[in-house]
PDB file of all heavy atoms in Angstrom:
ATOM      1  N   GLY A   1      27.609  -8.326  -8.749  1.00  0.00           N
ATOM      2  CA  GLY A   1      26.425  -8.978  -9.319  1.00  0.00           C
ATOM      3  C   GLY A   1      25.546  -9.674  -8.311  1.00  0.00           C
ATOM      4  O   GLY A   1      24.499 -10.219  -8.679  1.00  0.00           O
ATOM      5  N   LYS A   2      25.938  -9.658  -7.029  1.00  0.00           N
ATOM      6  CA  LYS A   2      25.149 -10.361  -6.003  1.00  0.00           C
ATOM      7  C   LYS A   2      24.033  -9.450  -5.496  1.00  0.00           C
ATOM      8  O   LYS A   2      24.028  -9.002  -4.340  1.00  0.00           O
ATOM      9  CB  LYS A   2      26.058 -10.806  -4.865  1.00  0.00           C
ATOM     10  CG  LYS A   2      27.125 -11.804  -5.316  1.00  0.00           C
ATOM     11  CD  LYS A   2      28.107 -12.122  -4.207  1.00  0.00           C
ATOM     12  CE  LYS A   2      29.207 -13.053  -4.707  1.00  0.00           C
ATOM     13  NZ  LYS A   2      30.224 -13.299  -3.654  1.00  0.00           N
ATOM     14  N   MET A   3      23.110  -9.150  -6.380  1.00  0.00           N
ATOM     15  CA  MET A   3      21.994  -8.240  -6.105  1.00  0.00           C
ATOM     16  C   MET A   3      20.720  -8.862  -6.678  1.00  0.00           C
ATOM     17  O   MET A   3      20.756  -9.572  -7.678  1.00  0.00           O
ATOM     18  CB  MET A   3      22.218  -6.883  -6.774  1.00  0.00           C
ATOM     19  CG  MET A   3      23.571  -6.252  -6.517  1.00  0.00           C
ATOM     20  SD  MET A   3      23.541  -5.148  -5.125  1.00  0.00           S
ATOM     21  CE  MET A   3      22.918  -3.670  -5.887  1.00  0.00           C
ATOM     22  N   GLU A   4      19.591  -8.558  -6.039  1.00  0.00           N
ATOM     23  CA  GLU A   4      18.283  -8.963  -6.570  1.00  0.00           C
ATOM     24  C   GLU A   4      17.342  -7.773  -6.487  1.00  0.00           C
ATOM     25  O   GLU A   4      17.349  -7.034  -5.506  1.00  0.00           O
ATOM     26  CB  GLU A   4      17.695 -10.128  -5.769  1.00  0.00           C
ATOM     27  CG  GLU A   4      18.454 -11.428  -5.922  1.00  0.00           C
ATOM     28  CD  GLU A   4      17.775 -12.566  -5.183  1.00  0.00           C
ATOM     29  OE1 GLU A   4      16.546 -12.705  -5.311  1.00  0.00           O
ATOM     30  OE2 GLU A   4      18.484 -13.295  -4.462  1.00  0.00           O
ATOM     31  N   ARG A   5      16.532  -7.608  -7.545  1.00  0.00           N
ATOM     32  CA  ARG A   5      15.565  -6.521  -7.571  1.00  0.00           C
ATOM     33  C   ARG A   5      14.206  -7.047  -8.030  1.00  0.00           C
ATOM     34  O   ARG A   5      14.110  -7.941  -8.873  1.00  0.00           O
ATOM     35  CB  ARG A   5      16.015  -5.403  -8.523  1.00  0.00           C
ATOM     36  CG  ARG A   5      17.196  -4.583  -8.034  1.00  0.00           C
ATOM     37  CD  ARG A   5      16.809  -3.736  -6.843  1.00  0.00           C
ATOM     38  NE  ARG A   5      17.915  -2.926  -6.352  1.00  0.00           N
ATOM     39  CZ  ARG A   5      18.791  -3.314  -5.434  1.00  0.00           C
ATOM     40  NH1 ARG A   5      18.713  -4.541  -4.928  1.00  0.00           N
ATOM     41  NH2 ARG A   5      19.746  -2.491  -5.019  1.00  0.00           N
ATOM     42  N   ASP A   6      13.174  -6.440  -7.475  1.00  0.00           N
ATOM     43  CA  ASP A   6      11.802  -6.788  -7.835  1.00  0.00           C
ATOM     44  C   ASP A   6      11.365  -5.865  -8.976  1.00  0.00           C
ATOM     45  O   ASP A   6      10.625  -4.913  -8.777  1.00  0.00           O
ATOM     46  CB  ASP A   6      10.895  -6.625  -6.609  1.00  0.00           C
ATOM     47  CG  ASP A   6       9.654  -7.490  -6.702  1.00  0.00           C
ATOM     48  OD1 ASP A   6       9.347  -7.957  -7.809  1.00  0.00           O
ATOM     49  OD2 ASP A   6       8.991  -7.690  -5.669  1.00  0.00           O
ATOM     50  N   PHE A   7      11.865  -6.142 -10.177  1.00  0.00           N
ATOM     51  CA  PHE A   7      11.600  -5.293 -11.341  1.00  0.00           C
ATOM     52  C   PHE A   7      10.118  -5.310 -11.682  1.00  0.00           C
ATOM     53  O   PHE A   7       9.514  -6.376 -11.837  1.00  0.00           O
ATOM     54  CB  PHE A   7      12.428  -5.774 -12.536  1.00  0.00           C
ATOM     55  CG  PHE A   7      13.907  -5.607 -12.361  1.00  0.00           C
ATOM     56  CD1 PHE A   7      14.701  -6.678 -11.966  1.00  0.00           C
ATOM     57  CD2 PHE A   7      14.510  -4.381 -12.570  1.00  0.00           C
ATOM     58  CE1 PHE A   7      16.074  -6.528 -11.794  1.00  0.00           C
ATOM     59  CE2 PHE A   7      15.886  -4.216 -12.411  1.00  0.00           C
ATOM     60  CZ  PHE A   7      16.666  -5.287 -12.013  1.00  0.00           C
ATOM     61  N   THR A   8       9.546  -4.109 -11.834  1.00  0.00           N
ATOM     62  CA  THR A   8       8.096  -3.970 -12.016  1.00  0.00           C
ATOM     63  C   THR A   8       7.806  -3.164 -13.273  1.00  0.00           C
ATOM     64  O   THR A   8       8.290  -2.037 -13.422  1.00  0.00           O
ATOM     65  CB  THR A   8       7.475  -3.284 -10.790  1.00  0.00           C
ATOM     66  OG1 THR A   8       7.930  -3.936  -9.598  1.00  0.00           O
ATOM     67  CG2 THR A   8       5.954  -3.333 -10.851  1.00  0.00           C
ATOM     68  N   TYR A   9       7.010  -3.737 -14.169  1.00  0.00           N
ATOM     69  CA  TYR A   9       6.748  -3.104 -15.461  1.00  0.00           C
ATOM     70  C   TYR A   9       5.806  -1.909 -15.309  1.00  0.00           C
ATOM     71  O   TYR A   9       4.865  -1.938 -14.502  1.00  0.00           O
ATOM     72  CB  TYR A   9       6.161  -4.133 -16.429  1.00  0.00           C
ATOM     73  CG  TYR A   9       6.098  -3.648 -17.849  1.00  0.00           C
ATOM     74  CD1 TYR A   9       7.258  -3.350 -18.561  1.00  0.00           C
ATOM     75  CD2 TYR A   9       4.874  -3.463 -18.490  1.00  0.00           C
ATOM     76  CE1 TYR A   9       7.205  -2.890 -19.866  1.00  0.00           C
ATOM     77  CE2 TYR A   9       4.808  -3.010 -19.796  1.00  0.00           C
ATOM     78  CZ  TYR A   9       5.985  -2.715 -20.480  1.00  0.00           C
ATOM     79  OH  TYR A   9       5.925  -2.256 -21.771  1.00  0.00           O
ATOM     80  N   ILE A  10       6.032  -0.888 -16.092  1.00  0.00           N
ATOM     81  CA  ILE A  10       5.314   0.380 -15.965  1.00  0.00           C
ATOM     82  C   ILE A  10       3.800   0.222 -16.066  1.00  0.00           C
ATOM     83  O   ILE A  10       3.049   0.868 -15.320  1.00  0.00           O
ATOM     84  CB  ILE A  10       5.829   1.414 -17.003  1.00  0.00           C
ATOM     85  CG1 ILE A  10       5.120   2.760 -16.848  1.00  0.00           C
ATOM     86  CG2 ILE A  10       5.708   0.877 -18.415  1.00  0.00           C
ATOM     87  CD1 ILE A  10       5.328   3.441 -15.524  1.00  0.00           C
ATOM     88  N   ASP A  11       3.298  -0.620 -16.954  1.00  0.00           N
ATOM     89  CA  ASP A  11       1.847  -0.760 -17.096  1.00  0.00           C
ATOM     90  C   ASP A  11       1.202  -1.285 -15.811  1.00  0.00           C
ATOM     91  O   ASP A  11       0.078  -0.908 -15.460  1.00  0.00           O
ATOM     92  CB  ASP A  11       1.512  -1.710 -18.254  1.00  0.00           C
ATOM     93  CG  ASP A  11       1.805  -1.095 -19.614  1.00  0.00           C
ATOM     94  OD1 ASP A  11       2.271   0.062 -19.659  1.00  0.00           O
ATOM     95  OD2 ASP A  11       1.577  -1.771 -20.634  1.00  0.00           O
ATOM     96  N   ASP A  12       1.918  -2.153 -15.100  1.00  0.00           N
ATOM     97  CA  ASP A  12       1.407  -2.663 -13.828  1.00  0.00           C
ATOM     98  C   ASP A  12       1.364  -1.564 -12.778  1.00  0.00           C
ATOM     99  O   ASP A  12       0.425  -1.493 -11.973  1.00  0.00           O
ATOM    100  CB  ASP A  12       2.289  -3.812 -13.333  1.00  0.00           C
ATOM    101  CG  ASP A  12       2.114  -5.092 -14.138  1.00  0.00           C
ATOM    102  OD1 ASP A  12       1.046  -5.269 -14.743  1.00  0.00           O
ATOM    103  OD2 ASP A  12       3.048  -5.902 -14.165  1.00  0.00           O
ATOM    104  N   VAL A  13       2.364  -0.716 -12.770  1.00  0.00           N
ATOM    105  CA  VAL A  13       2.400   0.396 -11.819  1.00  0.00           C
ATOM    106  C   VAL A  13       1.253   1.359 -12.093  1.00  0.00           C
ATOM    107  O   VAL A  13       0.571   1.814 -11.170  1.00  0.00           O
ATOM    108  CB  VAL A  13       3.763   1.110 -11.895  1.00  0.00           C
ATOM    109  CG1 VAL A  13       3.746   2.414 -11.108  1.00  0.00           C
ATOM    110  CG2 VAL A  13       4.861   0.194 -11.374  1.00  0.00           C
ATOM    111  N   VAL A  14       1.015   1.667 -13.349  1.00  0.00           N
ATOM    112  CA  VAL A  14      -0.085   2.563 -13.720  1.00  0.00           C
ATOM    113  C   VAL A  14      -1.426   1.975 -13.280  1.00  0.00           C
ATOM    114  O   VAL A  14      -2.261   2.680 -12.697  1.00  0.00           O
ATOM    115  CB  VAL A  14      -0.083   2.828 -15.237  1.00  0.00           C
ATOM    116  CG1 VAL A  14      -1.342   3.586 -15.652  1.00  0.00           C
ATOM    117  CG2 VAL A  14       1.164   3.614 -15.629  1.00  0.00           C
ATOM    118  N   GLU A  15      -1.629   0.695 -13.533  1.00  0.00           N
ATOM    119  CA  GLU A  15      -2.885   0.049 -13.137  1.00  0.00           C
ATOM    120  C   GLU A  15      -3.100   0.150 -11.627  1.00  0.00           C
ATOM    121  O   GLU A  15      -4.204   0.476 -11.160  1.00  0.00           O
ATOM    122  CB  GLU A  15      -2.885  -1.415 -13.570  1.00  0.00           C
ATOM    123  CG  GLU A  15      -4.172  -2.160 -13.301  1.00  0.00           C
ATOM    124  CD  GLU A  15      -5.335  -1.677 -14.147  1.00  0.00           C
ATOM    125  OE1 GLU A  15      -5.102  -1.191 -15.277  1.00  0.00           O
ATOM    126  OE2 GLU A  15      -6.494  -1.779 -13.681  1.00  0.00           O
ATOM    127  N   GLY A  16      -2.049  -0.119 -10.873  1.00  0.00           N
ATOM    128  CA  GLY A  16      -2.164  -0.015  -9.428  1.00  0.00           C
ATOM    129  C   GLY A  16      -2.464   1.400  -8.971  1.00  0.00           C
ATOM    130  O   GLY A  16      -3.330   1.616  -8.108  1.00  0.00           O
ATOM    131  N   CYS A  17      -1.792   2.377  -9.552  1.00  0.00           N
ATOM    132  CA  CYS A  17      -2.015   3.784  -9.185  1.00  0.00           C
ATOM    133  C   CYS A  17      -3.452   4.213  -9.449  1.00  0.00           C
ATOM    134  O   CYS A  17      -4.100   4.841  -8.595  1.00  0.00           O
ATOM    135  CB  CYS A  17      -1.075   4.688  -9.975  1.00  0.00           C
ATOM    136  SG  CYS A  17       0.646   4.641  -9.468  1.00  0.00           S
ATOM    137  N   VAL A  18      -3.946   3.899 -10.622  1.00  0.00           N
ATOM    138  CA  VAL A  18      -5.290   4.331 -11.010  1.00  0.00           C
ATOM    139  C   VAL A  18      -6.350   3.666 -10.134  1.00  0.00           C
ATOM    140  O   VAL A  18      -7.309   4.312  -9.699  1.00  0.00           O
ATOM    141  CB  VAL A  18      -5.528   4.036 -12.507  1.00  0.00           C
ATOM    142  CG1 VAL A  18      -6.983   4.254 -12.883  1.00  0.00           C
ATOM    143  CG2 VAL A  18      -4.617   4.912 -13.364  1.00  0.00           C
ATOM    144  N   ARG A  19      -6.165   2.390  -9.846  1.00  0.00           N
ATOM    145  CA  ARG A  19      -7.138   1.707  -8.987  1.00  0.00           C
ATOM    146  C   ARG A  19      -7.132   2.269  -7.572  1.00  0.00           C
ATOM    147  O   ARG A  19      -8.185   2.451  -6.964  1.00  0.00           O
ATOM    148  CB  ARG A  19      -6.847   0.208  -8.964  1.00  0.00           C
ATOM    149  CG  ARG A  19      -7.138  -0.500 -10.278  1.00  0.00           C
ATOM    150  CD  ARG A  19      -7.200  -1.988 -10.057  1.00  0.00           C
ATOM    151  NE  ARG A  19      -7.335  -2.721 -11.316  1.00  0.00           N
ATOM    152  CZ  ARG A  19      -7.864  -3.930 -11.418  1.00  0.00           C
ATOM    153  NH1 ARG A  19      -8.315  -4.545 -10.322  1.00  0.00           N
ATOM    154  NH2 ARG A  19      -7.936  -4.548 -12.573  1.00  0.00           N
ATOM    155  N   VAL A  20      -5.959   2.537  -7.042  1.00  0.00           N
ATOM    156  CA  VAL A  20      -5.873   3.075  -5.678  1.00  0.00           C
ATOM    157  C   VAL A  20      -6.452   4.482  -5.615  1.00  0.00           C
ATOM    158  O   VAL A  20      -7.148   4.840  -4.661  1.00  0.00           O
ATOM    159  CB  VAL A  20      -4.413   3.056  -5.192  1.00  0.00           C
ATOM    160  CG1 VAL A  20      -4.254   3.879  -3.914  1.00  0.00           C
ATOM    161  CG2 VAL A  20      -3.953   1.620  -4.946  1.00  0.00           C
ATOM    162  N   LEU A  21      -6.179   5.289  -6.627  1.00  0.00           N
ATOM    163  CA  LEU A  21      -6.683   6.665  -6.640  1.00  0.00           C
ATOM    164  C   LEU A  21      -8.209   6.688  -6.539  1.00  0.00           C
ATOM    165  O   LEU A  21      -8.785   7.592  -5.906  1.00  0.00           O
ATOM    166  CB  LEU A  21      -6.229   7.367  -7.920  1.00  0.00           C
ATOM    167  CG  LEU A  21      -6.487   8.871  -8.013  1.00  0.00           C
ATOM    168  CD1 LEU A  21      -5.676   9.638  -6.973  1.00  0.00           C
ATOM    169  CD2 LEU A  21      -6.166   9.384  -9.420  1.00  0.00           C
ATOM    170  N   ALA A  22      -8.863   5.712  -7.127  1.00  0.00           N
ATOM    171  CA  ALA A  22     -10.331   5.654  -7.126  1.00  0.00           C
ATOM    172  C   ALA A  22     -10.897   5.114  -5.818  1.00  0.00           C
ATOM    173  O   ALA A  22     -12.117   5.086  -5.643  1.00  0.00           O
ATOM    174  CB  ALA A  22     -10.811   4.786  -8.293  1.00  0.00           C
ATOM    175  N   ARG A  23     -10.020   4.706  -4.901  1.00  0.00           N
ATOM    176  CA  ARG A  23     -10.469   4.113  -3.644  1.00  0.00           C
ATOM    177  C   ARG A  23      -9.860   4.887  -2.478  1.00  0.00           C
ATOM    178  O   ARG A  23      -8.811   4.502  -1.949  1.00  0.00           O
ATOM    179  CB  ARG A  23     -10.047   2.645  -3.580  1.00  0.00           C
ATOM    180  CG  ARG A  23     -10.595   1.880  -2.380  1.00  0.00           C
ATOM    181  CD  ARG A  23     -10.086   0.442  -2.401  1.00  0.00           C
ATOM    182  NE  ARG A  23     -10.660  -0.368  -1.347  1.00  0.00           N
ATOM    183  CZ  ARG A  23     -10.209  -0.422  -0.095  1.00  0.00           C
ATOM    184  NH1 ARG A  23      -9.186   0.328   0.259  1.00  0.00           N
ATOM    185  NH2 ARG A  23     -10.780  -1.213   0.795  1.00  0.00           N
ATOM    186  N   PRO A  24     -10.468   5.994  -2.060  1.00  0.00           N
ATOM    187  CA  PRO A  24      -9.899   6.797  -0.974  1.00  0.00           C
ATOM    188  C   PRO A  24      -9.672   5.994   0.300  1.00  0.00           C
ATOM    189  O   PRO A  24     -10.476   5.123   0.661  1.00  0.00           O
ATOM    190  CB  PRO A  24     -10.956   7.884  -0.757  1.00  0.00           C
ATOM    191  CG  PRO A  24     -11.658   7.996  -2.072  1.00  0.00           C
ATOM    192  CD  PRO A  24     -11.684   6.600  -2.623  1.00  0.00           C
ATOM    193  N   ALA A  25      -8.566   6.275   0.943  1.00  0.00           N
ATOM    194  CA  ALA A  25      -8.250   5.617   2.201  1.00  0.00           C
ATOM    195  C   ALA A  25      -9.312   5.930   3.252  1.00  0.00           C
ATOM    196  O   ALA A  25      -9.870   7.027   3.284  1.00  0.00           O
ATOM    197  CB  ALA A  25      -6.885   6.082   2.693  1.00  0.00           C
ATOM    198  N   THR A  26      -9.570   4.967   4.103  1.00  0.00           N
ATOM    199  CA  THR A  26     -10.528   5.127   5.200  1.00  0.00           C
ATOM    200  C   THR A  26      -9.864   4.673   6.494  1.00  0.00           C
ATOM    201  O   THR A  26      -8.890   3.901   6.475  1.00  0.00           O
ATOM    202  CB  THR A  26     -11.799   4.302   4.960  1.00  0.00           C
ATOM    203  OG1 THR A  26     -11.426   2.927   4.809  1.00  0.00           O
ATOM    204  CG2 THR A  26     -12.533   4.769   3.712  1.00  0.00           C
ATOM    205  N   PRO A  27     -10.379   5.104   7.642  1.00  0.00           N
ATOM    206  CA  PRO A  27      -9.846   4.597   8.909  1.00  0.00           C
ATOM    207  C   PRO A  27     -10.014   3.083   9.006  1.00  0.00           C
ATOM    208  O   PRO A  27     -11.003   2.526   8.520  1.00  0.00           O
ATOM    209  CB  PRO A  27     -10.695   5.316   9.960  1.00  0.00           C
ATOM    210  CG  PRO A  27     -11.200   6.544   9.270  1.00  0.00           C
ATOM    211  CD  PRO A  27     -11.407   6.143   7.838  1.00  0.00           C
ATOM    212  N   ASP A  28      -9.056   2.430   9.618  1.00  0.00           N
ATOM    213  CA  ASP A  28      -9.107   0.988   9.793  1.00  0.00           C
ATOM    214  C   ASP A  28      -9.784   0.686  11.135  1.00  0.00           C
ATOM    215  O   ASP A  28      -9.210   0.966  12.195  1.00  0.00           O
ATOM    216  CB  ASP A  28      -7.694   0.419   9.774  1.00  0.00           C
ATOM    217  CG  ASP A  28      -7.651  -1.090   9.929  1.00  0.00           C
ATOM    218  OD1 ASP A  28      -8.729  -1.699  10.100  1.00  0.00           O
ATOM    219  OD2 ASP A  28      -6.541  -1.650   9.883  1.00  0.00           O
ATOM    220  N   PRO A  29     -10.992   0.125  11.116  1.00  0.00           N
ATOM    221  CA  PRO A  29     -11.701  -0.111  12.376  1.00  0.00           C
ATOM    222  C   PRO A  29     -11.010  -1.123  13.275  1.00  0.00           C
ATOM    223  O   PRO A  29     -11.253  -1.161  14.484  1.00  0.00           O
ATOM    224  CB  PRO A  29     -13.072  -0.627  11.910  1.00  0.00           C
ATOM    225  CG  PRO A  29     -12.846  -1.145  10.531  1.00  0.00           C
ATOM    226  CD  PRO A  29     -11.760  -0.306   9.943  1.00  0.00           C
ATOM    227  N   ALA A  30     -10.113  -1.945  12.691  1.00  0.00           N
ATOM    228  CA  ALA A  30      -9.400  -2.950  13.476  1.00  0.00           C
ATOM    229  C   ALA A  30      -8.047  -2.452  13.989  1.00  0.00           C
ATOM    230  O   ALA A  30      -7.334  -3.195  14.675  1.00  0.00           O
ATOM    231  CB  ALA A  30      -9.201  -4.209  12.632  1.00  0.00           C
ATOM    232  N   TRP A  31      -7.703  -1.216  13.676  1.00  0.00           N
ATOM    233  CA  TRP A  31      -6.376  -0.709  14.063  1.00  0.00           C
ATOM    234  C   TRP A  31      -6.272  -0.604  15.578  1.00  0.00           C
ATOM    235  O   TRP A  31      -7.159  -0.064  16.250  1.00  0.00           O
ATOM    236  CB  TRP A  31      -6.137   0.660  13.414  1.00  0.00           C
ATOM    237  CG  TRP A  31      -4.721   1.111  13.515  1.00  0.00           C
ATOM    238  CD1 TRP A  31      -3.677   0.735  12.723  1.00  0.00           C
ATOM    239  CD2 TRP A  31      -4.183   2.054  14.458  1.00  0.00           C
ATOM    240  NE1 TRP A  31      -2.520   1.377  13.105  1.00  0.00           N
ATOM    241  CE2 TRP A  31      -2.810   2.188  14.173  1.00  0.00           C
ATOM    242  CE3 TRP A  31      -4.736   2.787  15.510  1.00  0.00           C
ATOM    243  CZ2 TRP A  31      -1.962   3.029  14.903  1.00  0.00           C
ATOM    244  CZ3 TRP A  31      -3.901   3.624  16.249  1.00  0.00           C
ATOM    245  CH2 TRP A  31      -2.541   3.745  15.947  1.00  0.00           C
ATOM    246  N   ASP A  32      -5.184  -1.121  16.111  1.00  0.00           N
ATOM    247  CA  ASP A  32      -4.995  -1.199  17.560  1.00  0.00           C
ATOM    248  C   ASP A  32      -3.777  -0.378  17.968  1.00  0.00           C
ATOM    249  O   ASP A  32      -2.649  -0.745  17.621  1.00  0.00           O
ATOM    250  CB  ASP A  32      -4.804  -2.667  17.957  1.00  0.00           C
ATOM    251  CG  ASP A  32      -4.632  -2.855  19.458  1.00  0.00           C
ATOM    252  OD1 ASP A  32      -4.685  -1.856  20.202  1.00  0.00           O
ATOM    253  OD2 ASP A  32      -4.439  -4.012  19.882  1.00  0.00           O
ATOM    254  N   PRO A  33      -3.951   0.719  18.692  1.00  0.00           N
ATOM    255  CA  PRO A  33      -2.802   1.539  19.095  1.00  0.00           C
ATOM    256  C   PRO A  33      -1.839   0.813  20.025  1.00  0.00           C
ATOM    257  O   PRO A  33      -0.680   1.225  20.167  1.00  0.00           O
ATOM    258  CB  PRO A  33      -3.450   2.743  19.790  1.00  0.00           C
ATOM    259  CG  PRO A  33      -4.796   2.275  20.209  1.00  0.00           C
ATOM    260  CD  PRO A  33      -5.223   1.280  19.184  1.00  0.00           C
ATOM    261  N   ALA A  34      -2.284  -0.268  20.650  1.00  0.00           N
ATOM    262  CA  ALA A  34      -1.389  -1.039  21.511  1.00  0.00           C
ATOM    263  C   ALA A  34      -0.489  -1.975  20.692  1.00  0.00           C
ATOM    264  O   ALA A  34       0.550  -2.424  21.176  1.00  0.00           O
ATOM    265  CB  ALA A  34      -2.199  -1.854  22.512  1.00  0.00           C
ATOM    266  N   ALA A  35      -0.900  -2.272  19.475  1.00  0.00           N
ATOM    267  CA  ALA A  35      -0.108  -3.096  18.551  1.00  0.00           C
ATOM    268  C   ALA A  35      -0.292  -2.524  17.160  1.00  0.00           C
ATOM    269  O   ALA A  35      -0.934  -3.131  16.304  1.00  0.00           O
ATOM    270  CB  ALA A  35      -0.545  -4.554  18.613  1.00  0.00           C
ATOM    271  N   PRO A  36       0.232  -1.315  16.909  1.00  0.00           N
ATOM    272  CA  PRO A  36      -0.110  -0.584  15.683  1.00  0.00           C
ATOM    273  C   PRO A  36       0.436  -1.213  14.413  1.00  0.00           C
ATOM    274  O   PRO A  36       1.586  -1.616  14.346  1.00  0.00           O
ATOM    275  CB  PRO A  36       0.520   0.794  15.913  1.00  0.00           C
ATOM    276  CG  PRO A  36       1.608   0.557  16.911  1.00  0.00           C
ATOM    277  CD  PRO A  36       1.142  -0.560  17.781  1.00  0.00           C
ATOM    278  N   ASP A  37      -0.428  -1.282  13.415  1.00  0.00           N
ATOM    279  CA  ASP A  37      -0.046  -1.693  12.066  1.00  0.00           C
ATOM    280  C   ASP A  37       0.462  -0.451  11.342  1.00  0.00           C
ATOM    281  O   ASP A  37      -0.261   0.540  11.211  1.00  0.00           O
ATOM    282  CB  ASP A  37      -1.270  -2.272  11.352  1.00  0.00           C
ATOM    283  CG  ASP A  37      -1.006  -2.586   9.884  1.00  0.00           C
ATOM    284  OD1 ASP A  37       0.159  -2.534   9.453  1.00  0.00           O
ATOM    285  OD2 ASP A  37      -1.970  -2.877   9.166  1.00  0.00           O
ATOM    286  N   ALA A  38       1.705  -0.498  10.852  1.00  0.00           N
ATOM    287  CA  ALA A  38       2.315   0.677  10.229  1.00  0.00           C
ATOM    288  C   ALA A  38       1.664   1.064   8.913  1.00  0.00           C
ATOM    289  O   ALA A  38       1.843   2.192   8.444  1.00  0.00           O
ATOM    290  CB  ALA A  38       3.802   0.431  10.002  1.00  0.00           C
ATOM    291  N   ALA A  39       0.892   0.164   8.312  1.00  0.00           N
ATOM    292  CA  ALA A  39       0.334   0.418   6.979  1.00  0.00           C
ATOM    293  C   ALA A  39      -1.086   0.942   7.000  1.00  0.00           C
ATOM    294  O   ALA A  39      -1.667   1.204   5.950  1.00  0.00           O
ATOM    295  CB  ALA A  39       0.393  -0.850   6.141  1.00  0.00           C
ATOM    296  N   SER A  40      -1.676   1.093   8.187  1.00  0.00           N
ATOM    297  CA  SER A  40      -3.017   1.645   8.291  1.00  0.00           C
ATOM    298  C   SER A  40      -3.095   2.453   9.580  1.00  0.00           C
ATOM    299  O   SER A  40      -2.080   2.667  10.246  1.00  0.00           O
ATOM    300  CB  SER A  40      -4.077   0.531   8.273  1.00  0.00           C
ATOM    301  OG  SER A  40      -3.950  -0.295   9.420  1.00  0.00           O
ATOM    302  N   SER A  41      -4.302   2.898   9.940  1.00  0.00           N
ATOM    303  CA  SER A  41      -4.405   3.808  11.081  1.00  0.00           C
ATOM    304  C   SER A  41      -5.862   3.992  11.472  1.00  0.00           C
ATOM    305  O   SER A  41      -6.784   3.593  10.741  1.00  0.00           O
ATOM    306  CB  SER A  41      -3.798   5.165  10.706  1.00  0.00           C
ATOM    307  OG  SER A  41      -3.973   6.107  11.739  1.00  0.00           O
ATOM    308  N   SER A  42      -6.062   4.643  12.604  1.00  0.00           N
ATOM    309  CA  SER A  42      -7.393   5.133  12.954  1.00  0.00           C
ATOM    310  C   SER A  42      -7.750   6.350  12.111  1.00  0.00           C
ATOM    311  O   SER A  42      -8.895   6.794  12.091  1.00  0.00           O
ATOM    312  CB  SER A  42      -7.449   5.496  14.435  1.00  0.00           C
ATOM    313  OG  SER A  42      -6.446   6.452  14.752  1.00  0.00           O
ATOM    314  N   ALA A  43      -6.776   6.903  11.418  1.00  0.00           N
ATOM    315  CA  ALA A  43      -6.973   7.977  10.439  1.00  0.00           C
ATOM    316  C   ALA A  43      -7.160   7.365   9.057  1.00  0.00           C
ATOM    317  O   ALA A  43      -6.836   6.190   8.834  1.00  0.00           O
ATOM    318  CB  ALA A  43      -5.768   8.921  10.444  1.00  0.00           C
TER     319      ALA A  43
END
């Protein structure tokens, strides 16, 4: 029983998916290859 989970309700997941789908990813102008952020890119 020594476990913790970040339980997430389905309606919240759907809302996040739909909002992200409408916002295409773009290159991050601040992305630095010398100190790369794993969550964004020059792509």
